[in-house]
Amino acid sequence: MTIIENAKREIDLVYQRDPAARSALEIILAYPGVHALIGYRISHWLWSHKLKLLGRLNSQLVRFLTGIEIHPGARIGRGLFIDHGMGVVIGETAEIGDNVTMYHGVTLGGVSLEKGKRHPTIGNGVVIGAGAKVLGPIVIGENSRIGANAVVVHSVPPNSVVTGVPGQVVVRSRPRSVNVDLEHGRLPDTLGDSVISLLNRIETVEKILHVHPAGLPVTNKDDDHHEPAIIHSPDHGVWHGEDFSI
């Protein structure tokens, strides 16, 4: 596809994935993600035709205008949508498949000083939430969802959800819908669920052994006062208790 054909496709994609879009003119004038991708196509063409310095200079100009830095050596497929976009960084050897969506603050970064492949490969249909960092020459399987502010340092199988620091991978129990998965707020709490599971197991063991937390004294670090051990657990995802107040 030519640069102009790609630009038309990217404008159509904004209509599909951003309910705030009202007109093609608004998208052309006020969407930095579209500007950055048009600029990237030009920079990549220069880079591919051995005009590497001009490609880098153009990418730096686009970065100044949009706040989005895409190295001209990166390989980007069709249908990338960068929403808002400020602070997005895509490294030189990054590869992005088709119909990928990413939000502001995303980094596709490298973790090595060696030449060669050092940035991630993003599969088709992946959604990367705001502030997420995907680091190293890893592969993010197609149709996966990376949660906001997740730090991903290991490869992810297809149809997975990743959340946390470092990223915890949860394989989807149900297949993803045909449409683009923009529900990046639906994320599993892997650590919280593990804690709750442990609390439930402890309670079961206490019942079997006929012991209770009140019979297990703990020592206050500040003095020699002994208090009953209290195990807290959330109520419908909300933690209560005076000792949690700030």
C-alpha atoms as a PDB file:
ATOM      1  CA  MET A   1       0.000   0.000   0.000  1.00  0.00           C
ATOM      2  CA  THR A   2       1.133   3.564  -0.692  1.00  0.00           C
ATOM      3  CA  ILE A   3       1.560   6.165   2.035  1.00  0.00           C
ATOM      4  CA  ILE A   4      -1.703   7.841   0.971  1.00  0.00           C
ATOM      5  CA  GLU A   5      -3.624   4.536   0.999  1.00  0.00           C
ATOM      6  CA  ASN A   6      -2.267   3.778   4.456  1.00  0.00           C
ATOM      7  CA  ALA A   7      -3.315   7.231   5.669  1.00  0.00           C
ATOM      8  CA  LYS A   8      -6.882   6.668   4.425  1.00  0.00           C
ATOM      9  CA  ARG A   9      -6.998   3.283   6.142  1.00  0.00           C
ATOM     10  CA  GLU A  10      -5.745   4.760   9.418  1.00  0.00           C
ATOM     11  CA  ILE A  11      -8.415   7.480   9.323  1.00  0.00           C
ATOM     12  CA  ASP A  12     -11.092   4.785   8.856  1.00  0.00           C
ATOM     13  CA  LEU A  13      -9.652   2.873  11.812  1.00  0.00           C
ATOM     14  CA  VAL A  14     -10.019   5.896  14.075  1.00  0.00           C
ATOM     15  CA  TYR A  15     -13.742   5.916  13.339  1.00  0.00           C
ATOM     16  CA  GLN A  16     -13.930   2.226  14.286  1.00  0.00           C
ATOM     17  CA  ARG A  17     -11.965   2.448  17.554  1.00  0.00           C
ATOM     18  CA  ASP A  18     -12.564   5.934  18.934  1.00  0.00           C
ATOM     19  CA  PRO A  19     -16.173   6.947  19.674  1.00  0.00           C
ATOM     20  CA  ALA A  20     -14.990  10.553  20.138  1.00  0.00           C
ATOM     21  CA  ALA A  21     -14.122  10.905  16.426  1.00  0.00           C
ATOM     22  CA  ARG A  22     -16.658  13.088  14.624  1.00  0.00           C
ATOM     23  CA  SER A  23     -15.261  13.863  11.179  1.00  0.00           C
ATOM     24  CA  ALA A  24     -12.406  13.032   8.838  1.00  0.00           C
ATOM     25  CA  LEU A  25     -11.229  16.651   9.028  1.00  0.00           C
ATOM     26  CA  GLU A  26     -11.023  16.466  12.819  1.00  0.00           C
ATOM     27  CA  ILE A  27      -8.989  13.250  12.586  1.00  0.00           C
ATOM     28  CA  ILE A  28      -6.610  14.737  10.034  1.00  0.00           C
ATOM     29  CA  LEU A  29      -6.046  17.898  12.067  1.00  0.00           C
ATOM     30  CA  ALA A  30      -6.265  16.758  15.686  1.00  0.00           C
ATOM     31  CA  TYR A  31      -5.141  13.126  16.015  1.00  0.00           C
ATOM     32  CA  PRO A  32      -1.395  12.867  16.774  1.00  0.00           C
ATOM     33  CA  GLY A  33      -1.463   9.075  16.380  1.00  0.00           C
ATOM     34  CA  VAL A  34      -2.460   9.492  12.734  1.00  0.00           C
ATOM     35  CA  HIS A  35       0.171  12.198  12.220  1.00  0.00           C
ATOM     36  CA  ALA A  36       2.852   9.985  13.781  1.00  0.00           C
ATOM     37  CA  LEU A  37       2.003   7.032  11.550  1.00  0.00           C
ATOM     38  CA  ILE A  38       2.015   9.150   8.392  1.00  0.00           C
ATOM     39  CA  GLY A  39       5.379  10.532   9.465  1.00  0.00           C
ATOM     40  CA  TYR A  40       6.636   7.030  10.232  1.00  0.00           C
ATOM     41  CA  ARG A  41       5.708   5.787   6.740  1.00  0.00           C
ATOM     42  CA  ILE A  42       7.811   8.581   5.246  1.00  0.00           C
ATOM     43  CA  SER A  43      10.706   7.951   7.639  1.00  0.00           C
ATOM     44  CA  HIS A  44      10.583   4.200   7.002  1.00  0.00           C
ATOM     45  CA  TRP A  45      10.652   4.749   3.235  1.00  0.00           C
ATOM     46  CA  LEU A  46      13.745   6.935   3.588  1.00  0.00           C
ATOM     47  CA  TRP A  47      15.355   4.403   5.944  1.00  0.00           C
ATOM     48  CA  SER A  48      14.632   1.506   3.565  1.00  0.00           C
ATOM     49  CA  HIS A  49      16.165   3.408   0.657  1.00  0.00           C
ATOM     50  CA  LYS A  50      19.466   3.948   2.510  1.00  0.00           C
ATOM     51  CA  LEU A  51      18.654   7.556   3.421  1.00  0.00           C
ATOM     52  CA  LYS A  52      19.008   6.701   7.097  1.00  0.00           C
ATOM     53  CA  LEU A  53      20.014  10.135   8.355  1.00  0.00           C
ATOM     54  CA  LEU A  54      17.055  11.783   6.629  1.00  0.00           C
ATOM     55  CA  GLY A  55      14.804   9.082   8.047  1.00  0.00           C
ATOM     56  CA  ARG A  56      16.046   9.758  11.582  1.00  0.00           C
ATOM     57  CA  LEU A  57      15.726  13.516  11.161  1.00  0.00           C
ATOM     58  CA  ASN A  58      12.151  13.168   9.930  1.00  0.00           C
ATOM     59  CA  SER A  59      11.278  10.846  12.831  1.00  0.00           C
ATOM     60  CA  GLN A  60      12.677  13.387  15.281  1.00  0.00           C
ATOM     61  CA  LEU A  61      10.585  16.124  13.684  1.00  0.00           C
ATOM     62  CA  VAL A  62       7.481  13.935  14.036  1.00  0.00           C
ATOM     63  CA  ARG A  63       8.431  13.250  17.659  1.00  0.00           C
ATOM     64  CA  PHE A  64       8.678  17.001  18.318  1.00  0.00           C
ATOM     65  CA  LEU A  65       5.263  17.624  16.752  1.00  0.00           C
ATOM     66  CA  THR A  66       3.348  14.659  18.216  1.00  0.00           C
ATOM     67  CA  GLY A  67       5.202  13.409  21.321  1.00  0.00           C
ATOM     68  CA  ILE A  68       5.350   9.949  19.693  1.00  0.00           C
ATOM     69  CA  GLU A  69       8.746   8.457  18.853  1.00  0.00           C
ATOM     70  CA  ILE A  70       8.814   5.700  16.240  1.00  0.00           C
ATOM     71  CA  HIS A  71      12.210   4.617  14.976  1.00  0.00           C
ATOM     72  CA  PRO A  72      12.187   4.509  11.150  1.00  0.00           C
ATOM     73  CA  GLY A  73      13.673   1.009  11.255  1.00  0.00           C
ATOM     74  CA  ALA A  74      10.652  -0.456  13.072  1.00  0.00           C
ATOM     75  CA  ARG A  75       8.287  -2.672  11.079  1.00  0.00           C
ATOM     76  CA  ILE A  76       4.612  -1.812  11.471  1.00  0.00           C
ATOM     77  CA  GLY A  77       1.746  -3.682   9.839  1.00  0.00           C
ATOM     78  CA  ARG A  78      -1.641  -2.409   8.790  1.00  0.00           C
ATOM     79  CA  GLY A  79      -4.231  -1.014  11.131  1.00  0.00           C
ATOM     80  CA  LEU A  80      -2.119   0.284  14.032  1.00  0.00           C
ATOM     81  CA  PHE A  81      -4.163   2.708  16.140  1.00  0.00           C
ATOM     82  CA  ILE A  82      -2.324   4.898  18.660  1.00  0.00           C
ATOM     83  CA  ASP A  83      -4.889   6.573  20.926  1.00  0.00           C
ATOM     84  CA  HIS A  84      -3.750   9.904  22.427  1.00  0.00           C
ATOM     85  CA  GLY A  85      -0.169   8.745  21.940  1.00  0.00           C
ATOM     86  CA  MET A  86       1.888  11.101  24.092  1.00  0.00           C
ATOM     87  CA  GLY A  87       5.015   9.325  25.314  1.00  0.00           C
ATOM     88  CA  VAL A  88       4.786   6.293  23.008  1.00  0.00           C
ATOM     89  CA  VAL A  89       8.247   4.933  22.098  1.00  0.00           C
ATOM     90  CA  ILE A  90       8.779   2.202  19.483  1.00  0.00           C
ATOM     91  CA  GLY A  91      12.340   0.946  19.066  1.00  0.00           C
ATOM     92  CA  GLU A  92      14.344   0.183  15.945  1.00  0.00           C
ATOM     93  CA  THR A  93      13.877  -3.589  15.747  1.00  0.00           C
ATOM     94  CA  ALA A  94      10.293  -3.652  17.027  1.00  0.00           C
ATOM     95  CA  GLU A  95       7.788  -5.479  14.830  1.00  0.00           C
ATOM     96  CA  ILE A  96       4.058  -4.785  15.049  1.00  0.00           C
ATOM     97  CA  GLY A  97       1.423  -6.919  13.345  1.00  0.00           C
ATOM     98  CA  ASP A  98      -1.951  -5.918  11.938  1.00  0.00           C
ATOM     99  CA  ASN A  99      -4.837  -4.282  13.834  1.00  0.00           C
ATOM    100  CA  VAL A 100      -2.836  -3.476  16.966  1.00  0.00           C
ATOM    101  CA  THR A 101      -4.082  -0.818  19.396  1.00  0.00           C
ATOM    102  CA  MET A 102      -1.885   1.022  21.880  1.00  0.00           C
ATOM    103  CA  TYR A 103      -2.467   3.885  24.285  1.00  0.00           C
ATOM    104  CA  HIS A 104      -0.293   6.721  25.555  1.00  0.00           C
ATOM    105  CA  GLY A 105       2.918   6.030  27.438  1.00  0.00           C
ATOM    106  CA  VAL A 106       3.572   2.641  25.836  1.00  0.00           C
ATOM    107  CA  THR A 107       7.207   1.618  25.344  1.00  0.00           C
ATOM    108  CA  LEU A 108       8.420  -1.141  23.035  1.00  0.00           C
ATOM    109  CA  GLY A 109      11.987  -1.065  24.294  1.00  0.00           C
ATOM    110  CA  GLY A 110      15.256  -2.949  24.150  1.00  0.00           C
ATOM    111  CA  VAL A 111      17.296  -4.371  27.015  1.00  0.00           C
ATOM    112  CA  SER A 112      20.601  -5.061  25.262  1.00  0.00           C
ATOM    113  CA  LEU A 113      23.529  -3.151  23.792  1.00  0.00           C
ATOM    114  CA  GLU A 114      24.111  -5.831  21.176  1.00  0.00           C
ATOM    115  CA  LYS A 115      23.272  -5.272  17.531  1.00  0.00           C
ATOM    116  CA  GLY A 116      20.437  -7.261  16.030  1.00  0.00           C
ATOM    117  CA  LYS A 117      16.940  -8.027  17.262  1.00  0.00           C
ATOM    118  CA  ARG A 118      16.483  -6.408  20.681  1.00  0.00           C
ATOM    119  CA  HIS A 119      12.904  -5.091  20.673  1.00  0.00           C
ATOM    120  CA  PRO A 120       9.561  -6.928  20.958  1.00  0.00           C
ATOM    121  CA  THR A 121       7.411  -8.496  18.282  1.00  0.00           C
ATOM    122  CA  ILE A 122       3.697  -7.726  18.702  1.00  0.00           C
ATOM    123  CA  GLY A 123       1.217 -10.137  17.145  1.00  0.00           C
ATOM    124  CA  ASN A 124      -1.969  -9.298  15.281  1.00  0.00           C
ATOM    125  CA  GLY A 125      -4.904  -7.883  17.233  1.00  0.00           C
ATOM    126  CA  VAL A 126      -2.959  -7.076  20.416  1.00  0.00           C
ATOM    127  CA  VAL A 127      -4.144  -4.244  22.692  1.00  0.00           C
ATOM    128  CA  ILE A 128      -1.513  -2.512  24.855  1.00  0.00           C
ATOM    129  CA  GLY A 129      -2.846  -0.376  27.707  1.00  0.00           C
ATOM    130  CA  ALA A 130      -1.593   3.046  28.798  1.00  0.00           C
ATOM    131  CA  GLY A 131       1.873   3.139  30.304  1.00  0.00           C
ATOM    132  CA  ALA A 132       2.701  -0.501  29.580  1.00  0.00           C
ATOM    133  CA  LYS A 133       6.340  -1.430  28.949  1.00  0.00           C
ATOM    134  CA  VAL A 134       7.186  -4.359  26.692  1.00  0.00           C
ATOM    135  CA  LEU A 135      10.927  -4.957  26.881  1.00  0.00           C
ATOM    136  CA  GLY A 136      13.380  -7.133  25.007  1.00  0.00           C
ATOM    137  CA  PRO A 137      13.194  -9.428  21.946  1.00  0.00           C
ATOM    138  CA  ILE A 138      10.065 -11.173  23.188  1.00  0.00           C
ATOM    139  CA  VAL A 139       6.923 -12.156  21.315  1.00  0.00           C
ATOM    140  CA  ILE A 140       3.421 -11.066  22.326  1.00  0.00           C
ATOM    141  CA  GLY A 141       0.998 -13.609  20.903  1.00  0.00           C
ATOM    142  CA  GLU A 142      -1.900 -12.472  18.769  1.00  0.00           C
ATOM    143  CA  ASN A 143      -5.166 -11.279  20.297  1.00  0.00           C
ATOM    144  CA  SER A 144      -3.562 -10.678  23.692  1.00  0.00           C
ATOM    145  CA  ARG A 145      -4.286  -7.760  26.005  1.00  0.00           C
ATOM    146  CA  ILE A 146      -1.528  -5.977  27.947  1.00  0.00           C
ATOM    147  CA  GLY A 147      -2.893  -4.140  30.983  1.00  0.00           C
ATOM    148  CA  ALA A 148      -2.095  -0.515  31.802  1.00  0.00           C
ATOM    149  CA  ASN A 149       1.333  -0.025  33.411  1.00  0.00           C
ATOM    150  CA  ALA A 150       2.226  -3.702  33.066  1.00  0.00           C
ATOM    151  CA  VAL A 151       5.921  -4.471  32.587  1.00  0.00           C
ATOM    152  CA  VAL A 152       6.286  -7.420  30.213  1.00  0.00           C
ATOM    153  CA  VAL A 153       9.712  -9.076  30.020  1.00  0.00           C
ATOM    154  CA  HIS A 154       8.798 -12.596  28.869  1.00  0.00           C
ATOM    155  CA  SER A 155       7.050 -13.866  25.759  1.00  0.00           C
ATOM    156  CA  VAL A 156       3.277 -14.182  25.970  1.00  0.00           C
ATOM    157  CA  PRO A 157       1.228 -16.963  24.299  1.00  0.00           C
ATOM    158  CA  PRO A 158      -1.675 -16.013  22.014  1.00  0.00           C
ATOM    159  CA  ASN A 159      -5.038 -15.081  23.555  1.00  0.00           C
ATOM    160  CA  SER A 160      -3.632 -14.029  26.904  1.00  0.00           C
ATOM    161  CA  VAL A 161      -4.096 -11.175  29.354  1.00  0.00           C
ATOM    162  CA  VAL A 162      -1.050  -9.674  31.092  1.00  0.00           C
ATOM    163  CA  THR A 163      -1.127  -7.512  34.203  1.00  0.00           C
ATOM    164  CA  GLY A 164       1.243  -6.390  36.943  1.00  0.00           C
ATOM    165  CA  VAL A 165       4.948  -5.785  37.509  1.00  0.00           C
ATOM    166  CA  PRO A 166       6.526  -7.971  36.326  1.00  0.00           C
ATOM    167  CA  GLY A 167       3.719  -9.010  34.020  1.00  0.00           C
ATOM    168  CA  GLN A 168       1.676 -12.039  35.073  1.00  0.00           C
ATOM    169  CA  VAL A 169       0.292 -13.983  32.111  1.00  0.00           C
ATOM    170  CA  VAL A 170      -3.261 -15.361  32.251  1.00  0.00           C
ATOM    171  CA  VAL A 171      -4.452 -17.418  29.289  1.00  0.00           C
ATOM    172  CA  ARG A 172      -8.021 -16.574  28.317  1.00  0.00           C
ATOM    173  CA  SER A 173     -10.562 -19.179  29.388  1.00  0.00           C
ATOM    174  CA  ARG A 174     -12.936 -18.079  26.634  1.00  0.00           C
ATOM    175  CA  PRO A 175     -12.076 -17.090  23.050  1.00  0.00           C
ATOM    176  CA  ARG A 176     -11.900 -13.394  22.281  1.00  0.00           C
ATOM    177  CA  SER A 177     -14.755 -11.777  20.383  1.00  0.00           C
ATOM    178  CA  VAL A 178     -14.380 -11.082  16.674  1.00  0.00           C
ATOM    179  CA  ASN A 179     -14.224  -7.322  17.239  1.00  0.00           C
ATOM    180  CA  VAL A 180     -11.127  -5.483  18.464  1.00  0.00           C
ATOM    181  CA  ASP A 181     -10.727  -6.017  22.207  1.00  0.00           C
ATOM    182  CA  LEU A 182     -10.732  -2.535  23.728  1.00  0.00           C
ATOM    183  CA  GLU A 183     -11.824  -3.578  27.239  1.00  0.00           C
ATOM    184  CA  HIS A 184      -8.371  -2.922  28.667  1.00  0.00           C
ATOM    185  CA  GLY A 185      -9.924  -2.183  32.064  1.00  0.00           C
ATOM    186  CA  ARG A 186     -10.920  -5.844  32.538  1.00  0.00           C
ATOM    187  CA  LEU A 187      -7.816  -7.305  34.121  1.00  0.00           C
ATOM    188  CA  PRO A 188      -7.317 -10.242  36.490  1.00  0.00           C
ATOM    189  CA  ASP A 189      -5.891  -9.588  39.956  1.00  0.00           C
ATOM    190  CA  THR A 190      -3.575 -12.601  40.055  1.00  0.00           C
ATOM    191  CA  LEU A 191      -1.754 -11.686  43.273  1.00  0.00           C
ATOM    192  CA  GLY A 192      -4.909 -10.601  45.093  1.00  0.00           C
ATOM    193  CA  ASP A 193      -6.717 -13.791  44.109  1.00  0.00           C
ATOM    194  CA  SER A 194      -3.744 -15.839  45.295  1.00  0.00           C
ATOM    195  CA  VAL A 195      -3.797 -14.105  48.699  1.00  0.00           C
ATOM    196  CA  ILE A 196      -7.537 -14.693  49.058  1.00  0.00           C
ATOM    197  CA  SER A 197      -7.053 -18.350  48.139  1.00  0.00           C
ATOM    198  CA  LEU A 198      -4.375 -18.691  50.833  1.00  0.00           C
ATOM    199  CA  LEU A 199      -6.619 -17.014  53.417  1.00  0.00           C
ATOM    200  CA  ASN A 200      -9.425 -19.432  52.592  1.00  0.00           C
ATOM    201  CA  ARG A 201      -7.079 -22.405  52.913  1.00  0.00           C
ATOM    202  CA  ILE A 202      -5.782 -21.137  56.263  1.00  0.00           C
ATOM    203  CA  GLU A 203      -9.334 -20.758  57.535  1.00  0.00           C
ATOM    204  CA  THR A 204     -10.132 -24.322  56.439  1.00  0.00           C
ATOM    205  CA  VAL A 205      -7.036 -25.682  58.202  1.00  0.00           C
ATOM    206  CA  GLU A 206      -7.920 -23.751  61.379  1.00  0.00           C
ATOM    207  CA  LYS A 207     -11.389 -25.281  61.397  1.00  0.00           C
ATOM    208  CA  ILE A 208     -10.009 -28.779  60.912  1.00  0.00           C
ATOM    209  CA  LEU A 209      -7.436 -28.312  63.707  1.00  0.00           C
ATOM    210  CA  HIS A 210      -9.888 -26.401  65.937  1.00  0.00           C
ATOM    211  CA  VAL A 211      -7.533 -23.455  66.312  1.00  0.00           C
ATOM    212  CA  HIS A 212      -8.410 -19.779  65.939  1.00  0.00           C
ATOM    213  CA  PRO A 213      -6.396 -16.665  65.117  1.00  0.00           C
ATOM    214  CA  ALA A 214      -7.183 -15.224  68.565  1.00  0.00           C
ATOM    215  CA  GLY A 215      -5.124 -18.000  70.100  1.00  0.00           C
ATOM    216  CA  LEU A 216      -2.026 -17.144  68.094  1.00  0.00           C
ATOM    217  CA  PRO A 217      -0.378 -14.102  69.675  1.00  0.00           C
ATOM    218  CA  VAL A 218       1.887 -11.801  67.664  1.00  0.00           C
ATOM    219  CA  THR A 219       4.375  -9.346  69.028  1.00  0.00           C
ATOM    220  CA  ASN A 220       4.150  -5.653  68.248  1.00  0.00           C
ATOM    221  CA  LYS A 221       7.539  -4.583  66.895  1.00  0.00           C
ATOM    222  CA  ASP A 222       7.406  -1.318  68.842  1.00  0.00           C
ATOM    223  CA  ASP A 223       6.917  -2.900  72.287  1.00  0.00           C
ATOM    224  CA  ASP A 224       6.320  -6.169  74.059  1.00  0.00           C
ATOM    225  CA  HIS A 225       2.536  -5.919  73.830  1.00  0.00           C
ATOM    226  CA  HIS A 226       0.827  -9.052  72.524  1.00  0.00           C
ATOM    227  CA  GLU A 227      -2.245  -8.803  70.321  1.00  0.00           C
ATOM    228  CA  PRO A 228      -4.422 -11.407  68.668  1.00  0.00           C
ATOM    229  CA  ALA A 229      -3.388 -12.135  65.085  1.00  0.00           C
ATOM    230  CA  ILE A 230      -5.960 -10.739  62.666  1.00  0.00           C
ATOM    231  CA  ILE A 231      -6.196 -11.876  59.069  1.00  0.00           C
ATOM    232  CA  HIS A 232      -7.857  -9.349  56.809  1.00  0.00           C
ATOM    233  CA  SER A 233      -9.641 -10.164  53.584  1.00  0.00           C
ATOM    234  CA  PRO A 234     -11.490  -7.942  51.107  1.00  0.00           C
ATOM    235  CA  ASP A 235     -15.256  -7.644  50.934  1.00  0.00           C
ATOM    236  CA  HIS A 236     -16.238  -7.666  47.242  1.00  0.00           C
ATOM    237  CA  GLY A 237     -12.831  -6.297  46.315  1.00  0.00           C
ATOM    238  CA  VAL A 238     -12.795  -3.544  48.995  1.00  0.00           C
ATOM    239  CA  TRP A 239     -10.486  -3.711  52.014  1.00  0.00           C
ATOM    240  CA  HIS A 240     -11.903  -2.464  55.334  1.00  0.00           C
ATOM    241  CA  GLY A 241     -10.281  -1.855  58.711  1.00  0.00           C
ATOM    242  CA  GLU A 242      -8.953   1.002  60.763  1.00  0.00           C
ATOM    243  CA  ASP A 243      -5.370  -0.116  60.204  1.00  0.00           C
ATOM    244  CA  PHE A 244      -5.850   0.398  56.445  1.00  0.00           C
ATOM    245  CA  SER A 245      -6.869   4.038  56.914  1.00  0.00           C
ATOM    246  CA  ILE A 246      -4.460   6.808  56.035  1.00  0.00           C
END
